[in-house]
Amino acid sequence: MSNNIMILMLTISTFLGALGLAALIWGIRTGQFDDQSKFIDGSRYDNEEDLRDAVMMEEKRKTAAKERENREKGYRPPD
């Protein structure tokens, strides 16, 4: 490749990188990435049934982890 093409490619890529960085900084400063209602919606739409389901799923995960750990140790429950 010639030097002119290399210089052109470096110039364009640097310009595009700077443009992307400027857009990111603009988005952060103007609050484009802030989600103000995330925590409010999480508590607003949470009910007792969902909580019970979450507890049940957590218990299933714990028992599955214990079973997997026992299998890895070679433990077999008595018949």
PDB file of N, CA and C in Angstrom:
ATOM      1  N   MET A   1       0.833  -1.178   0.000  1.00  0.00           N
ATOM      2  CA  MET A   1       0.000   0.000   0.000  1.00  0.00           C
ATOM      3  C   MET A   1       0.879   1.243   0.000  1.00  0.00           C
ATOM      4  N   SER A   2       0.340   2.244  -0.590  1.00  0.00           N
ATOM      5  CA  SER A   2       1.119   3.471  -0.640  1.00  0.00           C
ATOM      6  C   SER A   2       0.935   4.260   0.653  1.00  0.00           C
ATOM      7  N   ASN A   3       1.816   5.194   0.878  1.00  0.00           N
ATOM      8  CA  ASN A   3       1.758   6.006   2.092  1.00  0.00           C
ATOM      9  C   ASN A   3       0.522   6.882   2.128  1.00  0.00           C
ATOM     10  N   ASN A   4       0.079   7.333   0.975  1.00  0.00           N
ATOM     11  CA  ASN A   4      -1.106   8.190   0.935  1.00  0.00           C
ATOM     12  C   ASN A   4      -2.355   7.449   1.425  1.00  0.00           C
ATOM     13  N   ILE A   5      -2.478   6.199   1.027  1.00  0.00           N
ATOM     14  CA  ILE A   5      -3.637   5.412   1.449  1.00  0.00           C
ATOM     15  C   ILE A   5      -3.575   5.149   2.953  1.00  0.00           C
ATOM     16  N   MET A   6      -2.393   4.843   3.467  1.00  0.00           N
ATOM     17  CA  MET A   6      -2.236   4.611   4.908  1.00  0.00           C
ATOM     18  C   MET A   6      -2.593   5.861   5.704  1.00  0.00           C
ATOM     19  N   ILE A   7      -2.137   7.001   5.264  1.00  0.00           N
ATOM     20  CA  ILE A   7      -2.430   8.255   5.948  1.00  0.00           C
ATOM     21  C   ILE A   7      -3.926   8.544   5.905  1.00  0.00           C
ATOM     22  N   LEU A   8      -4.553   8.307   4.754  1.00  0.00           N
ATOM     23  CA  LEU A   8      -5.989   8.508   4.617  1.00  0.00           C
ATOM     24  C   LEU A   8      -6.771   7.585   5.545  1.00  0.00           C
ATOM     25  N   MET A   9      -6.391   6.306   5.611  1.00  0.00           N
ATOM     26  CA  MET A   9      -7.072   5.347   6.482  1.00  0.00           C
ATOM     27  C   MET A   9      -6.911   5.722   7.950  1.00  0.00           C
ATOM     28  N   LEU A  10      -5.724   6.112   8.357  1.00  0.00           N
ATOM     29  CA  LEU A  10      -5.496   6.520   9.741  1.00  0.00           C
ATOM     30  C   LEU A  10      -6.284   7.774  10.095  1.00  0.00           C
ATOM     31  N   THR A  11      -6.349   8.711   9.180  1.00  0.00           N
ATOM     32  CA  THR A  11      -7.082   9.953   9.418  1.00  0.00           C
ATOM     33  C   THR A  11      -8.574   9.686   9.577  1.00  0.00           C
ATOM     34  N   ILE A  12      -9.116   8.890   8.681  1.00  0.00           N
ATOM     35  CA  ILE A  12     -10.554   8.585   8.733  1.00  0.00           C
ATOM     36  C   ILE A  12     -10.891   7.780   9.981  1.00  0.00           C
ATOM     37  N   SER A  13     -10.080   6.781  10.322  1.00  0.00           N
ATOM     38  CA  SER A  13     -10.374   5.973  11.507  1.00  0.00           C
ATOM     39  C   SER A  13     -10.238   6.794  12.786  1.00  0.00           C
ATOM     40  N   THR A  14      -9.273   7.689  12.848  1.00  0.00           N
ATOM     41  CA  THR A  14      -9.134   8.563  14.013  1.00  0.00           C
ATOM     42  C   THR A  14     -10.331   9.493  14.130  1.00  0.00           C
ATOM     43  N   PHE A  15     -10.781  10.042  13.001  1.00  0.00           N
ATOM     44  CA  PHE A  15     -11.948  10.922  12.999  1.00  0.00           C
ATOM     45  C   PHE A  15     -13.196  10.176  13.467  1.00  0.00           C
ATOM     46  N   LEU A  16     -13.405   8.955  12.959  1.00  0.00           N
ATOM     47  CA  LEU A  16     -14.581   8.181  13.353  1.00  0.00           C
ATOM     48  C   LEU A  16     -14.521   7.781  14.824  1.00  0.00           C
ATOM     49  N   GLY A  17     -13.338   7.447  15.313  1.00  0.00           N
ATOM     50  CA  GLY A  17     -13.183   7.123  16.734  1.00  0.00           C
ATOM     51  C   GLY A  17     -13.477   8.322  17.615  1.00  0.00           C
ATOM     52  N   ALA A  18     -12.981   9.491  17.225  1.00  0.00           N
ATOM     53  CA  ALA A  18     -13.242  10.714  17.991  1.00  0.00           C
ATOM     54  C   ALA A  18     -14.727  11.059  17.949  1.00  0.00           C
ATOM     55  N   LEU A  19     -15.373  10.843  16.810  1.00  0.00           N
ATOM     56  CA  LEU A  19     -16.800  11.100  16.687  1.00  0.00           C
ATOM     57  C   LEU A  19     -17.598  10.168  17.605  1.00  0.00           C
ATOM     58  N   GLY A  20     -17.226   8.918  17.652  1.00  0.00           N
ATOM     59  CA  GLY A  20     -17.891   7.962  18.544  1.00  0.00           C
ATOM     60  C   GLY A  20     -17.682   8.310  20.006  1.00  0.00           C
ATOM     61  N   LEU A  21     -16.476   8.717  20.369  1.00  0.00           N
ATOM     62  CA  LEU A  21     -16.192   9.121  21.733  1.00  0.00           C
ATOM     63  C   LEU A  21     -16.994  10.360  22.123  1.00  0.00           C
ATOM     64  N   ALA A  22     -17.080  11.317  21.209  1.00  0.00           N
ATOM     65  CA  ALA A  22     -17.866  12.529  21.475  1.00  0.00           C
ATOM     66  C   ALA A  22     -19.341  12.176  21.664  1.00  0.00           C
ATOM     67  N   ALA A  23     -19.865  11.253  20.865  1.00  0.00           N
ATOM     68  CA  ALA A  23     -21.262  10.840  21.003  1.00  0.00           C
ATOM     69  C   ALA A  23     -21.481  10.140  22.343  1.00  0.00           C
ATOM     70  N   LEU A  24     -20.546   9.314  22.776  1.00  0.00           N
ATOM     71  CA  LEU A  24     -20.660   8.645  24.062  1.00  0.00           C
ATOM     72  C   LEU A  24     -20.650   9.649  25.215  1.00  0.00           C
ATOM     73  N   ILE A  25     -19.737  10.581  25.177  1.00  0.00           N
ATOM     74  CA  ILE A  25     -19.661  11.600  26.233  1.00  0.00           C
ATOM     75  C   ILE A  25     -20.932  12.451  26.244  1.00  0.00           C
ATOM     76  N   TRP A  26     -21.437  12.819  25.068  1.00  0.00           N
ATOM     77  CA  TRP A  26     -22.683  13.576  24.997  1.00  0.00           C
ATOM     78  C   TRP A  26     -23.833  12.777  25.618  1.00  0.00           C
ATOM     79  N   GLY A  27     -23.910  11.494  25.315  1.00  0.00           N
ATOM     80  CA  GLY A  27     -24.982  10.655  25.850  1.00  0.00           C
ATOM     81  C   GLY A  27     -24.908  10.525  27.358  1.00  0.00           C
ATOM     82  N   ILE A  28     -23.721  10.425  27.897  1.00  0.00           N
ATOM     83  CA  ILE A  28     -23.570  10.316  29.346  1.00  0.00           C
ATOM     84  C   ILE A  28     -23.942  11.630  30.020  1.00  0.00           C
ATOM     85  N   ARG A  29     -23.500  12.734  29.473  1.00  0.00           N
ATOM     86  CA  ARG A  29     -23.782  14.047  30.082  1.00  0.00           C
ATOM     87  C   ARG A  29     -25.257  14.419  30.027  1.00  0.00           C
ATOM     88  N   THR A  30     -25.950  14.015  28.977  1.00  0.00           N
ATOM     89  CA  THR A  30     -27.366  14.375  28.851  1.00  0.00           C
ATOM     90  C   THR A  30     -28.282  13.351  29.498  1.00  0.00           C
ATOM     91  N   GLY A  31     -27.747  12.305  30.089  1.00  0.00           N
ATOM     92  CA  GLY A  31     -28.561  11.326  30.808  1.00  0.00           C
ATOM     93  C   GLY A  31     -29.250  10.319  29.926  1.00  0.00           C
ATOM     94  N   GLN A  32     -28.714  10.044  28.756  1.00  0.00           N
ATOM     95  CA  GLN A  32     -29.342   9.086  27.852  1.00  0.00           C
ATOM     96  C   GLN A  32     -29.303   7.657  28.393  1.00  0.00           C
ATOM     97  N   PHE A  33     -28.373   7.362  29.278  1.00  0.00           N
ATOM     98  CA  PHE A  33     -28.212   6.002  29.792  1.00  0.00           C
ATOM     99  C   PHE A  33     -28.810   5.825  31.178  1.00  0.00           C
ATOM    100  N   ASP A  34     -29.435   6.861  31.728  1.00  0.00           N
ATOM    101  CA  ASP A  34     -30.042   6.778  33.049  1.00  0.00           C
ATOM    102  C   ASP A  34     -31.442   6.188  32.935  1.00  0.00           C
ATOM    103  N   ASP A  35     -31.757   5.280  33.842  1.00  0.00           N
ATOM    104  CA  ASP A  35     -33.087   4.685  33.881  1.00  0.00           C
ATOM    105  C   ASP A  35     -33.702   5.027  35.224  1.00  0.00           C
ATOM    106  N   GLN A  36     -34.458   6.099  35.257  1.00  0.00           N
ATOM    107  CA  GLN A  36     -35.008   6.603  36.509  1.00  0.00           C
ATOM    108  C   GLN A  36     -36.091   5.693  37.086  1.00  0.00           C
ATOM    109  N   SER A  37     -36.828   5.006  36.252  1.00  0.00           N
ATOM    110  CA  SER A  37     -37.967   4.234  36.749  1.00  0.00           C
ATOM    111  C   SER A  37     -37.650   2.756  36.943  1.00  0.00           C
ATOM    112  N   LYS A  38     -36.414   2.346  36.835  1.00  0.00           N
ATOM    113  CA  LYS A  38     -36.070   0.930  36.932  1.00  0.00           C
ATOM    114  C   LYS A  38     -36.439   0.363  38.302  1.00  0.00           C
ATOM    115  N   PHE A  39     -36.017   1.012  39.358  1.00  0.00           N
ATOM    116  CA  PHE A  39     -36.254   0.491  40.693  1.00  0.00           C
ATOM    117  C   PHE A  39     -37.707   0.680  41.114  1.00  0.00           C
ATOM    118  N   ILE A  40     -38.324   1.750  40.657  1.00  0.00           N
ATOM    119  CA  ILE A  40     -39.733   1.995  40.991  1.00  0.00           C
ATOM    120  C   ILE A  40     -40.610   0.936  40.333  1.00  0.00           C
ATOM    121  N   ASP A  41     -40.362   0.642  39.066  1.00  0.00           N
ATOM    122  CA  ASP A  41     -41.149  -0.375  38.377  1.00  0.00           C
ATOM    123  C   ASP A  41     -40.903  -1.753  38.972  1.00  0.00           C
ATOM    124  N   GLY A  42     -39.675  -2.008  39.417  1.00  0.00           N
ATOM    125  CA  GLY A  42     -39.372  -3.294  40.030  1.00  0.00           C
ATOM    126  C   GLY A  42     -40.188  -3.542  41.278  1.00  0.00           C
ATOM    127  N   SER A  43     -40.389  -2.542  42.081  1.00  0.00           N
ATOM    128  CA  SER A  43     -41.186  -2.716  43.298  1.00  0.00           C
ATOM    129  C   SER A  43     -42.675  -2.582  43.024  1.00  0.00           C
ATOM    130  N   ARG A  44     -43.042  -1.832  42.029  1.00  0.00           N
ATOM    131  CA  ARG A  44     -44.459  -1.623  41.725  1.00  0.00           C
ATOM    132  C   ARG A  44     -45.110  -2.899  41.200  1.00  0.00           C
ATOM    133  N   TYR A  45     -44.413  -3.651  40.371  1.00  0.00           N
ATOM    134  CA  TYR A  45     -44.996  -4.831  39.749  1.00  0.00           C
ATOM    135  C   TYR A  45     -44.589  -6.126  40.449  1.00  0.00           C
ATOM    136  N   ASP A  46     -44.048  -6.020  41.639  1.00  0.00           N
ATOM    137  CA  ASP A  46     -43.647  -7.199  42.392  1.00  0.00           C
ATOM    138  C   ASP A  46     -44.772  -7.546  43.366  1.00  0.00           C
ATOM    139  N   ASN A  47     -45.197  -8.808  43.379  1.00  0.00           N
ATOM    140  CA  ASN A  47     -46.259  -9.198  44.303  1.00  0.00           C
ATOM    141  C   ASN A  47     -45.826 -10.433  45.088  1.00  0.00           C
ATOM    142  N   GLU A  48     -46.692 -10.908  45.977  1.00  0.00           N
ATOM    143  CA  GLU A  48     -46.347 -12.022  46.847  1.00  0.00           C
ATOM    144  C   GLU A  48     -46.147 -13.318  46.072  1.00  0.00           C
ATOM    145  N   GLU A  49     -46.917 -13.518  45.029  1.00  0.00           N
ATOM    146  CA  GLU A  49     -46.783 -14.739  44.240  1.00  0.00           C
ATOM    147  C   GLU A  49     -45.414 -14.799  43.567  1.00  0.00           C
ATOM    148  N   ASP A  50     -44.961 -13.685  43.029  1.00  0.00           N
ATOM    149  CA  ASP A  50     -43.643 -13.647  42.413  1.00  0.00           C
ATOM    150  C   ASP A  50     -42.556 -13.903  43.448  1.00  0.00           C
ATOM    151  N   LEU A  51     -42.742 -13.381  44.652  1.00  0.00           N
ATOM    152  CA  LEU A  51     -41.777 -13.598  45.718  1.00  0.00           C
ATOM    153  C   LEU A  51     -41.732 -15.068  46.110  1.00  0.00           C
ATOM    154  N   ARG A  52     -42.891 -15.705  46.234  1.00  0.00           N
ATOM    155  CA  ARG A  52     -42.928 -17.140  46.560  1.00  0.00           C
ATOM    156  C   ARG A  52     -42.255 -17.959  45.458  1.00  0.00           C
ATOM    157  N   ASP A  53     -42.512 -17.607  44.212  1.00  0.00           N
ATOM    158  CA  ASP A  53     -41.864 -18.312  43.099  1.00  0.00           C
ATOM    159  C   ASP A  53     -40.347 -18.153  43.149  1.00  0.00           C
ATOM    160  N   ALA A  54     -39.888 -16.968  43.488  1.00  0.00           N
ATOM    161  CA  ALA A  54     -38.448 -16.727  43.569  1.00  0.00           C
ATOM    162  C   ALA A  54     -37.819 -17.536  44.697  1.00  0.00           C
ATOM    163  N   VAL A  55     -38.495 -17.621  45.828  1.00  0.00           N
ATOM    164  CA  VAL A  55     -37.984 -18.411  46.955  1.00  0.00           C
ATOM    165  C   VAL A  55     -37.942 -19.884  46.579  1.00  0.00           C
ATOM    166  N   MET A  56     -38.992 -20.364  45.922  1.00  0.00           N
ATOM    167  CA  MET A  56     -39.034 -21.760  45.510  1.00  0.00           C
ATOM    168  C   MET A  56     -37.911 -22.077  44.516  1.00  0.00           C
ATOM    169  N   MET A  57     -37.680 -21.184  43.556  1.00  0.00           N
ATOM    170  CA  MET A  57     -36.605 -21.407  42.584  1.00  0.00           C
ATOM    171  C   MET A  57     -35.234 -21.399  43.261  1.00  0.00           C
ATOM    172  N   GLU A  58     -35.049 -20.523  44.248  1.00  0.00           N
ATOM    173  CA  GLU A  58     -33.782 -20.474  44.976  1.00  0.00           C
ATOM    174  C   GLU A  58     -33.557 -21.765  45.753  1.00  0.00           C
ATOM    175  N   GLU A  59     -34.603 -22.312  46.365  1.00  0.00           N
ATOM    176  CA  GLU A  59     -34.476 -23.581  47.076  1.00  0.00           C
ATOM    177  C   GLU A  59     -34.136 -24.709  46.112  1.00  0.00           C
ATOM    178  N   LYS A  60     -34.749 -24.710  44.939  1.00  0.00           N
ATOM    179  CA  LYS A  60     -34.427 -25.731  43.936  1.00  0.00           C
ATOM    180  C   LYS A  60     -32.975 -25.630  43.499  1.00  0.00           C
ATOM    181  N   ARG A  61     -32.473 -24.415  43.331  1.00  0.00           N
ATOM    182  CA  ARG A  61     -31.071 -24.233  42.944  1.00  0.00           C
ATOM    183  C   ARG A  61     -30.136 -24.763  44.019  1.00  0.00           C
ATOM    184  N   LYS A  62     -30.479 -24.498  45.287  1.00  0.00           N
ATOM    185  CA  LYS A  62     -29.634 -24.957  46.386  1.00  0.00           C
ATOM    186  C   LYS A  62     -29.616 -26.473  46.470  1.00  0.00           C
ATOM    187  N   THR A  63     -30.778 -27.115  46.344  1.00  0.00           N
ATOM    188  CA  THR A  63     -30.811 -28.577  46.407  1.00  0.00           C
ATOM    189  C   THR A  63     -30.098 -29.193  45.216  1.00  0.00           C
ATOM    190  N   ALA A  64     -30.224 -28.592  44.051  1.00  0.00           N
ATOM    191  CA  ALA A  64     -29.520 -29.100  42.872  1.00  0.00           C
ATOM    192  C   ALA A  64     -28.014 -28.966  43.048  1.00  0.00           C
ATOM    193  N   ALA A  65     -27.568 -27.865  43.653  1.00  0.00           N
ATOM    194  CA  ALA A  65     -26.135 -27.679  43.895  1.00  0.00           C
ATOM    195  C   ALA A  65     -25.621 -28.705  44.895  1.00  0.00           C
ATOM    196  N   LYS A  66     -26.412 -28.993  45.936  1.00  0.00           N
ATOM    197  CA  LYS A  66     -26.001 -30.011  46.914  1.00  0.00           C
ATOM    198  C   LYS A  66     -25.923 -31.380  46.271  1.00  0.00           C
ATOM    199  N   GLU A  67     -26.911 -31.714  45.446  1.00  0.00           N
ATOM    200  CA  GLU A  67     -26.902 -33.006  44.762  1.00  0.00           C
ATOM    201  C   GLU A  67     -25.706 -33.126  43.831  1.00  0.00           C
ATOM    202  N   ARG A  68     -25.402 -32.050  43.119  1.00  0.00           N
ATOM    203  CA  ARG A  68     -24.259 -32.068  42.211  1.00  0.00           C
ATOM    204  C   ARG A  68     -22.956 -32.230  42.993  1.00  0.00           C
ATOM    205  N   GLU A  69     -22.877 -31.558  44.146  1.00  0.00           N
ATOM    206  CA  GLU A  69     -21.683 -31.662  44.983  1.00  0.00           C
ATOM    207  C   GLU A  69     -21.529 -33.076  45.522  1.00  0.00           C
ATOM    208  N   ASN A  70     -22.643 -33.691  45.943  1.00  0.00           N
ATOM    209  CA  ASN A  70     -22.593 -35.062  46.439  1.00  0.00           C
ATOM    210  C   ASN A  70     -22.208 -36.041  45.335  1.00  0.00           C
ATOM    211  N   ARG A  71     -22.697 -35.821  44.119  1.00  0.00           N
ATOM    212  CA  ARG A  71     -22.333 -36.679  43.001  1.00  0.00           C
ATOM    213  C   ARG A  71     -20.854 -36.590  42.694  1.00  0.00           C
ATOM    214  N   GLU A  72     -20.299 -35.386  42.799  1.00  0.00           N
ATOM    215  CA  GLU A  72     -18.874 -35.202  42.522  1.00  0.00           C
ATOM    216  C   GLU A  72     -18.015 -35.887  43.568  1.00  0.00           C
ATOM    217  N   LYS A  73     -18.508 -35.978  44.790  1.00  0.00           N
ATOM    218  CA  LYS A  73     -17.765 -36.646  45.864  1.00  0.00           C
ATOM    219  C   LYS A  73     -17.898 -38.158  45.783  1.00  0.00           C
ATOM    220  N   GLY A  74     -18.832 -38.629  45.002  1.00  0.00           N
ATOM    221  CA  GLY A  74     -19.043 -40.069  44.884  1.00  0.00           C
ATOM    222  C   GLY A  74     -20.008 -40.580  45.946  1.00  0.00           C
ATOM    223  N   TYR A  75     -20.715 -39.708  46.620  1.00  0.00           N
ATOM    224  CA  TYR A  75     -21.658 -40.094  47.655  1.00  0.00           C
ATOM    225  C   TYR A  75     -22.923 -40.639  47.017  1.00  0.00           C
ATOM    226  N   ARG A  76     -23.381 -41.747  47.578  1.00  0.00           N
ATOM    227  CA  ARG A  76     -24.659 -42.320  47.139  1.00  0.00           C
ATOM    228  C   ARG A  76     -25.520 -42.539  48.365  1.00  0.00           C
ATOM    229  N   PRO A  77     -26.752 -42.041  48.353  1.00  0.00           N
ATOM    230  CA  PRO A  77     -27.617 -42.227  49.517  1.00  0.00           C
ATOM    231  C   PRO A  77     -27.982 -43.700  49.688  1.00  0.00           C
ATOM    232  N   PRO A  78     -28.251 -44.114  50.916  1.00  0.00           N
ATOM    233  CA  PRO A  78     -28.619 -45.529  51.125  1.00  0.00           C
ATOM    234  C   PRO A  78     -29.962 -45.845  50.478  1.00  0.00           C
ATOM    235  N   ASP A  79     -30.096 -47.108  50.064  1.00  0.00           N
ATOM    236  CA  ASP A  79     -31.345 -47.530  49.416  1.00  0.00           C
ATOM    237  C   ASP A  79     -32.445 -47.712  50.389  1.00  0.00           C
TER     238      ASP A  79
END
